[in-house]
Amino acid sequence: MNRILHSPASLMICALAGAMGFGAGWWIERGGAAAREPVSSERRISKTLTPNKSASGGQPSVSAHRLDLKSLASRLAISPPVERWLLLVAAVEKAGLDDMPELLKMCSGDKAALQMIASHWADRDPAHMWRVLSAESQKGLGFETLGSLPMTLHDITGILFKSWVAQDLTAARAALNSPSEMRYLDATRSNLFSIFAKADPEASLGLIEEWNIRHIIPLWQGLDKWAEKDPRHAAEVAARSGVEIASTEALKVIGRTWAKTDPAAALAYATSLSAAQRSSFVVGAMKEWAAKDPAAAAAWAASQTDTVLRAQLAKPLVEAWAKTAPDSALAWCQENLRGEARSKAIAGVVEGISQKDPAAASRLIAELDPGGARNTAAGALALKWYHQSGSQAVLQWLTALPDADLRRAGMEQIQWVWQMNEPARVAEFLTGPHASLAGTQLLQTSAAEQARRDPEAAMQWTAKLSPATMPAAREQVLQVWMHSRPEAAAAWLQQQPPDARTELLTNTAHSLAWGSPETASTFFSSLNAADRVTIRESLTQNSGLDAAKKTELLKALSR
């Protein structure tokens, strides 16, 4: 702690805190703004704070102080913003640990105040804070508010463990390793892993399997500095941590770091790794080597007799090489690779060129022979171009391409990220003149997303689609609507022509299996007699439904 207090940033914080404390005391003694009436002694903050005597009868300890929370809340409610903040700072400084949850609740909606209180609590007694948060998680209110506390699980545990790791890394790690009441322990460990990875990269690699760290990419700040000291040892530690994405990302960083000093040794070591680990490691190492000496990197890759290893080396090699000598990179691909490996490597060349000149990359694709390599390259360019310039530039390029296979390959690569980032633009595109570029998956994803937001508006949107795509979109909207508002969905169905209604019910009845029997029963009871017969027959004849689920649904429909 002494080391922390002597840092310039800490001294600045201490000075600011002292100034705020002095200002708070002055303000309180003066009774607030000069324009206000004098405040009686009964209303002063000194009366708001009610310390408890210690067991020995001497001065109370910091943790022994308790606040008159009701009085404090009244003062905060009538105080102007500056005075409110000063009152709150003074109260937090004198509060007991058990007052902290109530102070947080008192400041619900005030992000700055919540962070200040949580930080102070974490600095004073992180173990106490962890016990309270764990107990609060048992109240089952989910991630958006942790129990009764007005902060998300992610935010408040992040504040806690940043402080705790700085104070006592071993104790902080032990808290997450020990049996705990924390209901969301795996999620908490995943959210906090980057904090531990920055503080102690080597030990954190050992926690990947122990903490079940899956599907996240840690920041791995500081990993390269640690790896510089002994890159082989770092690679061996990372290799023992498994094949989760956190482990393979660490290997990529270590490979890049090792290649800065001895790329040939780094890549020679890669041959001892498993296929999944080797793939990540060589990406980092080869990109670093090719950026500095592409000729040497290319010669080393070409000398490898293992075709799988050569294919793994090829894409990072030519992607880096293409930034300075695209023709040489492309020629190397044609000479040293075959089949899928060549297609992926040529896509790497296109990606390398597109970082500086997407138009030049598109001209290169036009010069390639029709087939898999060309289509793969088009998809790679579309995705890279989207990330660089957004959807408009990519769509202009795709719609101008004469080759339907190239248009389809490009759209397939951007559809998921486009829908995630610009759902309104996707919905608009699907009703426009180039909607045929989109595949069925993008249409269904867009329809489902709109239905979750506003099913009535989503149904109106389907009327603007082409006759070929409208039925599938309507079915998707209806499936989502049946689960969110079954009575409203049934009411809309009753307004449709009999033939269209029968087709929709036949094609969407199976989706009732996704929800609860109560929802299915509500939807079914809102239909007319003929439609109930249709949906019952559809479910009965559906061989794809689990037998137990089908029985449960048919029973619910009989209520």
Protein backbone atom coordinates (compact mmCIF):
# COMPACT_ATOMS: atom_id res chain seq x y z
CA MET A 1 0.00 0.00 0.00
CA ASN A 2 2.89 2.39 0.70
CA ARG A 3 4.06 2.00 -2.87
CA ILE A 4 0.61 2.95 -4.12
CA LEU A 5 0.33 6.01 -1.93
CA HIS A 6 3.62 7.40 -3.20
CA SER A 7 2.58 7.37 -6.86
CA PRO A 8 1.88 10.81 -8.42
CA ALA A 9 -1.66 9.81 -9.34
CA SER A 10 -2.36 8.72 -5.76
CA LEU A 11 -0.95 11.93 -4.32
CA MET A 12 -3.20 13.90 -6.64
CA ILE A 13 -6.19 11.86 -5.52
CA CYS A 14 -5.28 12.36 -1.87
CA ALA A 15 -4.91 16.11 -2.40
CA LEU A 16 -8.26 16.25 -4.14
CA ALA A 17 -9.89 14.21 -1.40
CA GLY A 18 -8.39 16.51 1.24
CA ALA A 19 -9.63 19.57 -0.55
CA MET A 20 -13.09 18.07 -0.86
CA GLY A 21 -13.06 17.13 2.82
CA PHE A 22 -12.07 20.66 3.83
CA GLY A 23 -14.71 22.08 1.50
CA ALA A 24 -17.32 19.74 2.91
CA GLY A 25 -16.49 20.72 6.49
CA TRP A 26 -16.51 24.43 5.67
CA TRP A 27 -19.80 24.11 3.81
CA ILE A 28 -21.45 22.15 6.56
CA GLU A 29 -20.27 24.53 9.30
CA ARG A 30 -21.54 27.46 7.29
CA GLY A 31 -24.90 25.68 6.85
CA GLY A 32 -24.80 25.59 3.02
CA ALA A 33 -24.97 28.48 0.60
CA ALA A 34 -24.87 31.97 2.08
CA ALA A 35 -28.21 32.80 0.54
CA ARG A 36 -29.94 30.12 2.59
CA GLU A 37 -31.21 30.56 6.12
CA PRO A 38 -28.82 29.43 8.87
CA VAL A 39 -29.13 25.76 9.66
CA SER A 40 -29.77 24.77 13.25
CA SER A 41 -27.36 22.47 14.98
CA GLU A 42 -29.93 19.66 14.92
CA ARG A 43 -29.76 19.61 11.11
CA ARG A 44 -26.00 19.71 10.77
CA ILE A 45 -24.15 16.75 9.37
CA SER A 46 -22.47 16.29 12.72
CA LYS A 47 -25.86 15.16 13.98
CA THR A 48 -26.50 13.13 10.85
CA LEU A 49 -23.46 11.01 11.67
CA THR A 50 -23.96 9.01 14.84
CA PRO A 51 -20.79 7.13 15.88
CA ASN A 52 -20.97 4.07 18.11
CA LYS A 53 -18.46 3.67 20.90
CA SER A 54 -15.99 0.86 20.62
CA ALA A 55 -16.15 -2.08 23.01
CA SER A 56 -13.25 -0.68 25.01
CA GLY A 57 -15.09 2.58 25.63
CA GLY A 58 -12.52 4.65 23.75
CA GLN A 59 -12.86 6.50 20.45
CA PRO A 60 -14.92 4.62 17.86
CA SER A 61 -13.10 2.88 15.04
CA VAL A 62 -13.83 3.77 11.43
CA SER A 63 -15.84 0.58 10.95
CA ALA A 64 -17.80 1.24 14.15
CA HIS A 65 -19.37 4.47 12.85
CA ARG A 66 -22.97 4.20 11.74
CA LEU A 67 -24.99 6.78 9.88
CA ASP A 68 -28.41 8.15 10.57
CA LEU A 69 -29.42 7.15 7.05
CA LYS A 70 -32.92 8.56 7.24
CA SER A 71 -31.64 12.00 8.18
CA LEU A 72 -28.91 11.84 5.56
CA ALA A 73 -31.42 10.91 2.86
CA SER A 74 -33.56 13.91 3.83
CA ARG A 75 -30.57 16.25 3.60
CA LEU A 76 -29.52 14.85 0.23
CA ALA A 77 -33.04 15.19 -1.17
CA ILE A 78 -33.22 18.96 -0.52
CA SER A 79 -29.61 19.91 -1.21
CA PRO A 80 -28.36 21.49 -4.44
CA PRO A 81 -25.96 19.32 -6.49
CA VAL A 82 -22.65 20.64 -5.12
CA GLU A 83 -23.76 20.52 -1.48
CA ARG A 84 -25.30 17.09 -2.06
CA TRP A 85 -21.97 15.76 -3.32
CA LEU A 86 -20.03 17.23 -0.41
CA LEU A 87 -22.49 15.82 2.11
CA LEU A 88 -22.22 12.43 0.45
CA VAL A 89 -18.41 12.44 0.47
CA ALA A 90 -18.36 13.35 4.15
CA ALA A 91 -20.89 10.64 4.94
CA VAL A 92 -18.99 7.95 3.03
CA GLU A 93 -15.75 8.82 4.84
CA LYS A 94 -17.40 8.31 8.24
CA ALA A 95 -19.74 5.45 7.37
CA GLY A 96 -19.50 1.97 8.80
CA LEU A 97 -19.04 -0.95 6.44
CA ASP A 98 -22.63 -2.08 6.95
CA ASP A 99 -23.84 1.33 5.78
CA MET A 100 -22.31 0.92 2.33
CA PRO A 101 -25.16 -1.07 0.71
CA GLU A 102 -27.71 1.49 1.93
CA LEU A 103 -25.60 4.38 0.65
CA LEU A 104 -25.52 2.73 -2.76
CA LYS A 105 -29.30 2.34 -2.78
CA MET A 106 -29.65 5.98 -1.72
CA CYS A 107 -27.69 7.04 -4.82
CA SER A 108 -29.48 4.85 -7.37
CA GLY A 109 -29.20 6.38 -10.83
CA ASP A 110 -26.21 8.59 -9.96
CA LYS A 111 -23.35 6.80 -11.72
CA ALA A 112 -20.58 9.01 -10.31
CA ALA A 113 -21.83 8.63 -6.75
CA LEU A 114 -22.23 4.87 -7.10
CA GLN A 115 -18.67 4.51 -8.37
CA MET A 116 -17.32 6.70 -5.57
CA ILE A 117 -19.10 4.71 -2.85
CA ALA A 118 -18.18 1.34 -4.33
CA SER A 119 -14.53 2.37 -4.73
CA HIS A 120 -14.34 3.58 -1.13
CA TRP A 121 -15.92 0.37 0.12
CA ALA A 122 -13.51 -1.76 -1.92
CA ASP A 123 -10.50 0.19 -0.67
CA ARG A 124 -11.55 -0.16 2.98
CA ASP A 125 -12.51 -3.82 3.19
CA PRO A 126 -12.74 -5.82 -0.06
CA ALA A 127 -13.45 -9.09 1.74
CA HIS A 128 -16.49 -7.59 3.45
CA MET A 129 -17.71 -6.16 0.14
CA TRP A 130 -17.31 -9.56 -1.57
CA ARG A 131 -19.36 -11.28 1.14
CA VAL A 132 -22.16 -8.74 0.74
CA LEU A 133 -22.17 -8.99 -3.07
CA SER A 134 -22.24 -12.77 -2.89
CA ALA A 135 -25.22 -12.67 -0.54
CA GLU A 136 -27.00 -10.14 -2.76
CA SER A 137 -26.58 -12.43 -5.78
CA GLN A 138 -28.76 -15.01 -4.03
CA LYS A 139 -31.78 -12.72 -4.35
CA GLY A 140 -31.98 -13.79 -7.97
CA LEU A 141 -32.65 -10.47 -9.67
CA GLY A 142 -30.10 -11.14 -12.41
CA PHE A 143 -27.17 -9.27 -13.94
CA GLU A 144 -28.67 -5.83 -14.54
CA THR A 145 -28.95 -5.14 -10.81
CA LEU A 146 -27.07 -7.23 -8.29
CA GLY A 147 -29.75 -8.20 -5.83
CA SER A 148 -31.10 -5.03 -4.24
CA LEU A 149 -28.01 -3.00 -5.13
CA PRO A 150 -28.40 -0.47 -7.98
CA MET A 151 -25.30 -1.59 -9.89
CA THR A 152 -24.69 -4.32 -12.43
CA LEU A 153 -22.70 -7.40 -11.50
CA HIS A 154 -20.07 -6.43 -14.09
CA ASP A 155 -19.61 -2.87 -12.83
CA ILE A 156 -19.50 -3.42 -9.09
CA THR A 157 -17.30 -6.53 -9.14
CA GLY A 158 -14.96 -4.75 -11.55
CA ILE A 159 -14.53 -1.89 -9.09
CA LEU A 160 -14.06 -4.32 -6.21
CA PHE A 161 -11.42 -6.52 -7.80
CA LYS A 162 -9.41 -3.75 -9.42
CA SER A 163 -8.90 -2.40 -5.92
CA TRP A 164 -8.45 -5.79 -4.27
CA VAL A 165 -5.89 -7.03 -6.82
CA ALA A 166 -3.88 -3.84 -6.27
CA GLN A 167 -4.01 -4.32 -2.50
CA ASP A 168 -3.53 -8.09 -2.22
CA LEU A 169 -3.48 -10.16 -5.38
CA THR A 170 -3.25 -13.46 -3.49
CA ALA A 171 -6.28 -12.71 -1.33
CA ALA A 172 -8.31 -11.51 -4.32
CA ARG A 173 -7.54 -14.69 -6.25
CA ALA A 174 -8.34 -16.82 -3.20
CA ALA A 175 -11.75 -15.18 -2.90
CA LEU A 176 -12.70 -16.39 -6.36
CA ASN A 177 -11.17 -19.82 -5.75
CA SER A 178 -12.91 -20.42 -2.42
CA PRO A 179 -16.46 -21.74 -1.97
CA SER A 180 -18.75 -18.74 -2.21
CA GLU A 181 -22.41 -17.76 -2.12
CA MET A 182 -21.90 -15.89 -5.40
CA ARG A 183 -24.65 -17.20 -7.64
CA TYR A 184 -22.94 -16.11 -10.86
CA LEU A 185 -19.42 -17.23 -10.01
CA ASP A 186 -18.42 -18.46 -13.47
CA ALA A 187 -19.67 -15.27 -15.12
CA THR A 188 -17.91 -13.17 -12.48
CA ARG A 189 -14.63 -14.99 -12.99
CA SER A 190 -14.88 -14.47 -16.77
CA ASN A 191 -15.65 -10.76 -16.36
CA LEU A 192 -12.71 -10.27 -14.00
CA PHE A 193 -10.15 -12.49 -15.69
CA SER A 194 -8.44 -9.67 -17.59
CA ILE A 195 -7.74 -7.85 -14.31
CA PHE A 196 -5.85 -10.89 -12.99
CA ALA A 197 -4.18 -11.51 -16.36
CA LYS A 198 -2.71 -8.01 -16.32
CA ALA A 199 -1.47 -8.34 -12.74
CA ASP A 200 0.05 -11.82 -13.07
CA PRO A 201 0.06 -13.31 -16.60
CA GLU A 202 1.80 -16.55 -15.69
CA ALA A 203 -0.49 -17.47 -12.81
CA SER A 204 -3.55 -16.42 -14.80
CA LEU A 205 -2.74 -18.88 -17.57
CA GLY A 206 -3.16 -21.60 -14.96
CA LEU A 207 -6.58 -20.26 -14.04
CA ILE A 208 -8.11 -20.67 -17.51
CA GLU A 209 -9.21 -24.27 -16.94
CA GLU A 210 -9.66 -23.88 -13.19
CA TRP A 211 -12.06 -20.95 -13.63
CA ASN A 212 -13.75 -22.37 -16.72
CA ILE A 213 -12.79 -19.35 -18.84
CA ARG A 214 -14.55 -19.95 -22.15
CA HIS A 215 -15.62 -17.85 -25.11
CA ILE A 216 -13.79 -14.67 -24.02
CA ILE A 217 -10.62 -13.05 -25.29
CA PRO A 218 -8.76 -11.43 -22.39
CA LEU A 219 -6.91 -8.19 -22.96
CA TRP A 220 -3.65 -9.90 -21.93
CA GLN A 221 -2.03 -6.58 -21.06
CA GLY A 222 1.47 -7.24 -19.79
CA LEU A 223 1.70 -10.70 -21.32
CA ASP A 224 4.23 -9.57 -23.93
CA LYS A 225 6.48 -7.98 -21.29
CA TRP A 226 6.47 -11.20 -19.28
CA ALA A 227 7.08 -13.31 -22.40
CA GLU A 228 10.07 -11.17 -23.46
CA LYS A 229 12.08 -12.44 -20.47
CA ASP A 230 11.86 -16.10 -21.49
CA PRO A 231 9.61 -16.70 -24.54
CA ARG A 232 10.06 -20.47 -24.57
CA HIS A 233 9.01 -20.76 -20.95
CA ALA A 234 6.04 -18.47 -21.61
CA ALA A 235 4.96 -20.60 -24.59
CA GLU A 236 5.25 -23.79 -22.55
CA VAL A 237 3.10 -22.35 -19.75
CA ALA A 238 0.49 -21.16 -22.25
CA ALA A 239 0.47 -24.53 -24.01
CA ARG A 240 -0.35 -26.26 -20.71
CA SER A 241 -3.39 -24.02 -20.23
CA GLY A 242 -5.44 -25.88 -22.84
CA VAL A 243 -7.14 -24.94 -26.10
CA GLU A 244 -9.76 -22.45 -24.93
CA ILE A 245 -9.82 -19.18 -26.83
CA ALA A 246 -8.10 -17.40 -23.92
CA SER A 247 -5.20 -19.88 -24.18
CA THR A 248 -4.84 -19.72 -27.95
CA GLU A 249 -4.98 -15.91 -27.89
CA ALA A 250 -2.15 -15.95 -25.33
CA LEU A 251 -0.13 -18.19 -27.64
CA LYS A 252 -0.67 -15.72 -30.47
CA VAL A 253 0.74 -12.89 -28.34
CA ILE A 254 3.68 -15.02 -27.20
CA GLY A 255 4.41 -16.13 -30.76
CA ARG A 256 4.50 -12.50 -31.90
CA THR A 257 6.72 -11.52 -28.98
CA TRP A 258 9.18 -14.38 -29.53
CA ALA A 259 9.39 -13.64 -33.27
CA LYS A 260 10.67 -10.14 -32.54
CA THR A 261 13.99 -11.64 -31.43
CA ASP A 262 14.19 -15.11 -33.01
CA PRO A 263 11.38 -15.92 -35.46
CA ALA A 264 12.93 -19.14 -36.76
CA ALA A 265 13.24 -20.54 -33.23
CA ALA A 266 9.69 -19.51 -32.44
CA LEU A 267 8.27 -21.26 -35.50
CA ALA A 268 10.44 -24.32 -34.93
CA TYR A 269 8.93 -24.56 -31.44
CA ALA A 270 5.44 -24.34 -32.97
CA THR A 271 5.88 -27.78 -34.54
CA SER A 272 5.63 -29.32 -31.04
CA LEU A 273 2.18 -27.81 -30.37
CA SER A 274 -1.20 -29.38 -31.01
CA ALA A 275 -2.94 -28.38 -34.24
CA ALA A 276 -5.29 -25.86 -32.59
CA GLN A 277 -2.52 -24.28 -30.50
CA ARG A 278 -0.06 -24.21 -33.37
CA SER A 279 -2.48 -22.37 -35.62
CA SER A 280 -2.74 -19.45 -33.19
CA PHE A 281 0.95 -19.38 -32.32
CA VAL A 282 2.17 -19.27 -35.94
CA VAL A 283 -0.26 -16.45 -36.81
CA GLY A 284 1.43 -14.17 -34.30
CA ALA A 285 4.97 -15.31 -35.10
CA MET A 286 4.67 -15.31 -38.89
CA LYS A 287 2.94 -11.92 -39.10
CA GLU A 288 5.75 -10.39 -37.07
CA TRP A 289 8.49 -12.02 -39.18
CA ALA A 290 6.84 -11.27 -42.53
CA ALA A 291 6.36 -7.63 -41.62
CA LYS A 292 10.13 -7.25 -41.10
CA ASP A 293 11.67 -9.71 -43.58
CA PRO A 294 9.05 -11.26 -45.90
CA ALA A 295 11.62 -12.94 -48.15
CA ALA A 296 13.19 -14.87 -45.27
CA ALA A 297 9.78 -15.72 -43.80
CA ALA A 298 8.55 -16.95 -47.21
CA ALA A 299 11.66 -19.09 -47.75
CA TRP A 300 11.25 -20.71 -44.33
CA ALA A 301 7.55 -21.43 -44.96
CA ALA A 302 8.25 -22.89 -48.42
CA SER A 303 10.87 -25.24 -46.94
CA GLN A 304 8.32 -26.96 -44.68
CA THR A 305 7.39 -30.42 -45.89
CA ASP A 306 4.39 -30.65 -43.58
CA THR A 307 1.58 -29.39 -45.82
CA VAL A 308 -0.70 -28.62 -42.86
CA LEU A 309 1.96 -26.44 -41.23
CA ARG A 310 2.71 -24.71 -44.53
CA ALA A 311 -0.99 -23.91 -44.94
CA GLN A 312 -1.14 -22.48 -41.42
CA LEU A 313 1.88 -20.30 -42.15
CA ALA A 314 0.63 -19.10 -45.52
CA LYS A 315 -2.23 -16.75 -44.67
CA PRO A 316 -0.42 -14.63 -42.04
CA LEU A 317 2.66 -14.61 -44.26
CA VAL A 318 1.00 -13.33 -47.43
CA GLU A 319 -1.36 -10.97 -45.58
CA ALA A 320 1.63 -9.11 -44.15
CA TRP A 321 3.67 -9.44 -47.35
CA ALA A 322 0.86 -8.10 -49.57
CA LYS A 323 1.04 -4.71 -47.86
CA THR A 324 4.39 -4.06 -49.55
CA ALA A 325 4.66 -6.57 -52.44
CA PRO A 326 1.26 -8.00 -53.41
CA ASP A 327 2.45 -9.49 -56.70
CA SER A 328 5.22 -11.44 -54.94
CA ALA A 329 2.80 -12.66 -52.27
CA LEU A 330 0.30 -13.83 -54.88
CA ALA A 331 3.01 -15.59 -56.91
CA TRP A 332 4.19 -17.41 -53.77
CA CYS A 333 0.64 -18.67 -53.18
CA GLN A 334 0.34 -19.98 -56.73
CA GLU A 335 3.70 -21.72 -56.54
CA ASN A 336 3.63 -23.24 -53.05
CA LEU A 337 -0.01 -24.01 -52.23
CA ARG A 338 -2.86 -26.06 -53.58
CA GLY A 339 -6.61 -26.41 -53.04
CA GLU A 340 -8.25 -24.84 -50.00
CA ALA A 341 -4.90 -23.68 -48.60
CA ARG A 342 -4.30 -21.63 -51.75
CA SER A 343 -7.81 -20.15 -51.63
CA LYS A 344 -7.37 -19.02 -48.02
CA ALA A 345 -3.91 -17.63 -48.71
CA ILE A 346 -5.09 -15.64 -51.71
CA ALA A 347 -7.85 -14.28 -49.50
CA GLY A 348 -5.05 -13.21 -47.14
CA VAL A 349 -3.35 -11.36 -49.99
CA VAL A 350 -6.61 -9.55 -50.73
CA GLU A 351 -7.01 -8.63 -47.05
CA GLY A 352 -3.47 -7.28 -46.96
CA ILE A 353 -4.03 -5.10 -50.03
CA SER A 354 -7.44 -3.92 -48.85
CA GLN A 355 -6.01 -2.37 -45.70
CA LYS A 356 -4.52 0.34 -47.89
CA ASP A 357 -6.55 0.20 -51.10
CA PRO A 358 -9.84 -1.77 -51.23
CA ALA A 359 -10.34 -0.75 -54.88
CA ALA A 360 -7.01 -2.36 -55.81
CA ALA A 361 -8.06 -5.50 -53.95
CA SER A 362 -11.30 -5.63 -55.94
CA ARG A 363 -9.33 -5.33 -59.21
CA LEU A 364 -7.14 -8.24 -58.14
CA ILE A 365 -10.22 -10.38 -57.50
CA ALA A 366 -11.55 -9.55 -60.97
CA GLU A 367 -8.31 -10.89 -62.48
CA LEU A 368 -8.49 -14.24 -60.65
CA ASP A 369 -9.87 -17.35 -62.34
CA PRO A 370 -13.48 -18.19 -61.41
CA GLY A 371 -13.77 -20.67 -58.58
CA GLY A 372 -13.20 -21.22 -54.90
CA ALA A 373 -10.14 -19.00 -54.50
CA ARG A 374 -11.89 -16.07 -56.15
CA ASN A 375 -15.07 -16.47 -54.08
CA THR A 376 -13.13 -16.80 -50.84
CA ALA A 377 -11.16 -13.67 -51.70
CA ALA A 378 -14.38 -11.76 -52.43
CA GLY A 379 -15.79 -12.72 -49.04
CA ALA A 380 -12.60 -11.68 -47.28
CA LEU A 381 -12.58 -8.31 -49.04
CA ALA A 382 -16.25 -7.66 -48.25
CA LEU A 383 -15.75 -8.23 -44.53
CA LYS A 384 -12.53 -6.19 -44.35
CA TRP A 385 -14.09 -3.37 -46.37
CA TYR A 386 -17.17 -3.35 -44.15
CA HIS A 387 -15.05 -2.91 -41.02
CA GLN A 388 -13.07 -0.13 -42.67
CA SER A 389 -15.80 1.87 -44.43
CA GLY A 390 -19.23 0.56 -43.41
CA SER A 391 -22.01 -1.10 -45.36
CA GLN A 392 -22.60 1.49 -48.08
CA ALA A 393 -19.22 1.11 -49.80
CA VAL A 394 -19.40 -2.69 -49.66
CA LEU A 395 -22.94 -2.85 -51.02
CA GLN A 396 -22.06 -0.54 -53.89
CA TRP A 397 -19.22 -2.88 -54.82
CA LEU A 398 -21.27 -6.07 -54.44
CA THR A 399 -24.25 -4.86 -56.43
CA ALA A 400 -21.95 -3.82 -59.30
CA LEU A 401 -20.29 -7.24 -59.59
CA PRO A 402 -21.37 -9.20 -62.69
CA ASP A 403 -20.68 -12.58 -61.06
CA ALA A 404 -23.55 -13.90 -58.91
CA ASP A 405 -21.21 -16.24 -56.99
CA LEU A 406 -19.00 -13.32 -55.97
CA ARG A 407 -22.00 -11.28 -54.84
CA ARG A 408 -23.29 -14.18 -52.78
CA ALA A 409 -19.87 -14.89 -51.21
CA GLY A 410 -19.47 -11.25 -50.18
CA MET A 411 -22.94 -10.97 -48.68
CA GLU A 412 -22.52 -14.19 -46.70
CA GLN A 413 -19.41 -12.80 -45.02
CA ILE A 414 -20.90 -9.48 -43.91
CA GLN A 415 -24.48 -10.48 -43.08
CA TRP A 416 -24.03 -11.26 -39.38
CA VAL A 417 -21.97 -8.22 -38.46
CA TRP A 418 -24.21 -6.01 -40.60
CA GLN A 419 -27.39 -7.22 -38.91
CA MET A 420 -25.83 -6.79 -35.48
CA ASN A 421 -24.62 -3.24 -36.13
CA GLU A 422 -27.25 -1.82 -38.48
CA PRO A 423 -30.55 -3.72 -38.18
CA ALA A 424 -32.59 -0.82 -39.58
CA ARG A 425 -30.36 -0.60 -42.69
CA VAL A 426 -30.70 -4.35 -43.23
CA ALA A 427 -34.49 -4.17 -43.00
CA GLU A 428 -34.53 -1.32 -45.52
CA PHE A 429 -32.19 -3.18 -47.89
CA LEU A 430 -34.41 -6.27 -47.85
CA THR A 431 -37.28 -4.25 -49.28
CA GLY A 432 -35.13 -2.59 -51.95
CA PRO A 433 -34.09 -3.41 -55.52
CA HIS A 434 -31.04 -5.50 -54.53
CA ALA A 435 -32.75 -7.66 -51.90
CA SER A 436 -32.02 -10.78 -53.94
CA LEU A 437 -28.39 -10.50 -52.79
CA ALA A 438 -29.47 -11.50 -49.29
CA GLY A 439 -29.81 -15.13 -48.32
CA THR A 440 -32.57 -16.77 -46.32
CA GLN A 441 -30.61 -16.54 -43.07
CA LEU A 442 -30.31 -12.75 -43.22
CA LEU A 443 -34.02 -12.41 -44.06
CA GLN A 444 -35.06 -14.59 -41.11
CA THR A 445 -32.66 -12.91 -38.70
CA SER A 446 -33.92 -9.47 -39.64
CA ALA A 447 -37.56 -10.54 -39.36
CA ALA A 448 -37.01 -12.07 -35.92
CA GLU A 449 -35.18 -8.99 -34.63
CA GLN A 450 -37.95 -6.67 -35.81
CA ALA A 451 -40.59 -8.94 -34.29
CA ARG A 452 -38.90 -8.78 -30.91
CA ARG A 453 -39.06 -4.99 -31.01
CA ASP A 454 -42.53 -4.45 -32.54
CA PRO A 455 -44.37 -7.43 -34.09
CA GLU A 456 -47.18 -5.33 -35.58
CA ALA A 457 -44.68 -3.09 -37.36
CA ALA A 458 -42.69 -6.16 -38.43
CA MET A 459 -45.78 -7.62 -40.10
CA GLN A 460 -46.33 -4.33 -41.94
CA TRP A 461 -42.69 -4.53 -43.10
CA THR A 462 -43.21 -8.02 -44.56
CA ALA A 463 -45.86 -6.57 -46.90
CA LYS A 464 -43.07 -4.59 -48.64
CA LEU A 465 -41.03 -7.71 -49.42
CA SER A 466 -41.05 -9.54 -52.72
CA PRO A 467 -43.65 -12.31 -53.18
CA ALA A 468 -40.82 -14.84 -53.07
CA THR A 469 -39.51 -13.79 -49.64
CA MET A 470 -42.63 -12.52 -47.84
CA PRO A 471 -43.99 -15.94 -46.70
CA ALA A 472 -40.75 -16.95 -44.93
CA ALA A 473 -40.46 -13.54 -43.25
CA ARG A 474 -44.08 -13.64 -42.04
CA GLU A 475 -43.58 -17.08 -40.58
CA GLN A 476 -40.52 -15.86 -38.67
CA VAL A 477 -42.35 -12.81 -37.32
CA LEU A 478 -45.33 -14.93 -36.27
CA GLN A 479 -43.11 -17.44 -34.45
CA VAL A 480 -41.58 -14.69 -32.31
CA TRP A 481 -44.95 -12.97 -31.80
CA MET A 482 -46.61 -16.19 -30.62
CA HIS A 483 -44.20 -16.31 -27.67
CA SER A 484 -44.13 -12.64 -26.70
CA ARG A 485 -47.86 -11.80 -27.06
CA PRO A 486 -49.81 -14.91 -28.00
CA GLU A 487 -53.28 -13.31 -27.84
CA ALA A 488 -52.26 -10.44 -30.15
CA ALA A 489 -50.63 -12.87 -32.58
CA ALA A 490 -53.79 -14.97 -32.68
CA ALA A 491 -55.91 -11.85 -33.25
CA TRP A 492 -53.77 -10.87 -36.24
CA LEU A 493 -54.12 -14.37 -37.68
CA GLN A 494 -57.89 -14.23 -37.49
CA GLN A 495 -57.82 -11.26 -39.87
CA GLN A 496 -55.91 -13.16 -42.61
CA PRO A 497 -57.56 -15.04 -45.50
CA PRO A 498 -58.33 -18.70 -44.67
CA ASP A 499 -55.74 -20.20 -47.04
CA ALA A 500 -52.94 -17.91 -45.81
CA ARG A 501 -53.95 -18.54 -42.19
CA THR A 502 -53.84 -22.32 -42.62
CA GLU A 503 -50.40 -22.18 -44.27
CA LEU A 504 -48.98 -19.94 -41.54
CA LEU A 505 -50.32 -22.12 -38.75
CA THR A 506 -49.06 -25.32 -40.39
CA ASN A 507 -45.56 -23.92 -40.85
CA THR A 508 -45.22 -22.24 -37.44
CA ALA A 509 -46.98 -24.67 -35.08
CA HIS A 510 -43.71 -26.43 -34.22
CA SER A 511 -42.30 -23.20 -32.73
CA LEU A 512 -44.73 -23.53 -29.81
CA ALA A 513 -42.30 -26.13 -28.48
CA TRP A 514 -39.79 -23.32 -27.76
CA GLY A 515 -41.96 -21.70 -25.10
CA SER A 516 -43.98 -22.70 -22.08
CA PRO A 517 -47.13 -24.85 -22.20
CA GLU A 518 -49.02 -21.87 -20.74
CA THR A 519 -48.06 -19.68 -23.71
CA ALA A 520 -49.08 -22.42 -26.15
CA SER A 521 -52.41 -22.81 -24.38
CA THR A 522 -53.07 -19.05 -24.46
CA PHE A 523 -52.32 -18.86 -28.17
CA PHE A 524 -54.40 -21.94 -28.97
CA SER A 525 -57.44 -20.80 -26.99
CA SER A 526 -57.43 -17.47 -28.86
CA LEU A 527 -57.94 -19.19 -32.24
CA ASN A 528 -61.22 -20.18 -33.83
CA ALA A 529 -62.31 -23.84 -33.97
CA ALA A 530 -61.03 -24.50 -37.50
CA ASP A 531 -57.61 -23.05 -36.74
CA ARG A 532 -57.33 -25.10 -33.57
CA VAL A 533 -57.89 -28.23 -35.65
CA THR A 534 -55.18 -27.11 -38.09
CA ILE A 535 -52.56 -26.52 -35.42
CA ARG A 536 -53.37 -29.75 -33.58
CA GLU A 537 -53.01 -31.77 -36.78
CA SER A 538 -49.72 -30.04 -37.59
CA LEU A 539 -48.28 -30.90 -34.19
CA THR A 540 -49.55 -34.47 -34.30
CA GLN A 541 -47.97 -35.11 -37.70
CA ASN A 542 -44.65 -33.41 -36.88
CA SER A 543 -42.12 -36.24 -36.58
CA GLY A 544 -39.29 -33.85 -35.70
CA LEU A 545 -40.71 -32.94 -32.28
CA ASP A 546 -39.51 -34.76 -29.19
CA ALA A 547 -42.25 -37.24 -28.15
CA ALA A 548 -42.43 -36.00 -24.57
CA LYS A 549 -42.58 -32.37 -25.71
CA LYS A 550 -45.30 -33.19 -28.22
CA THR A 551 -47.39 -34.89 -25.54
CA GLU A 552 -46.94 -31.90 -23.23
CA LEU A 553 -48.01 -29.48 -25.97
CA LEU A 554 -51.08 -31.47 -27.00
CA LYS A 555 -52.11 -31.67 -23.36
CA ALA A 556 -51.73 -27.89 -23.01
CA LEU A 557 -53.85 -27.37 -26.12
CA SER A 558 -56.65 -29.38 -24.55
CA ARG A 559 -57.06 -27.04 -21.60
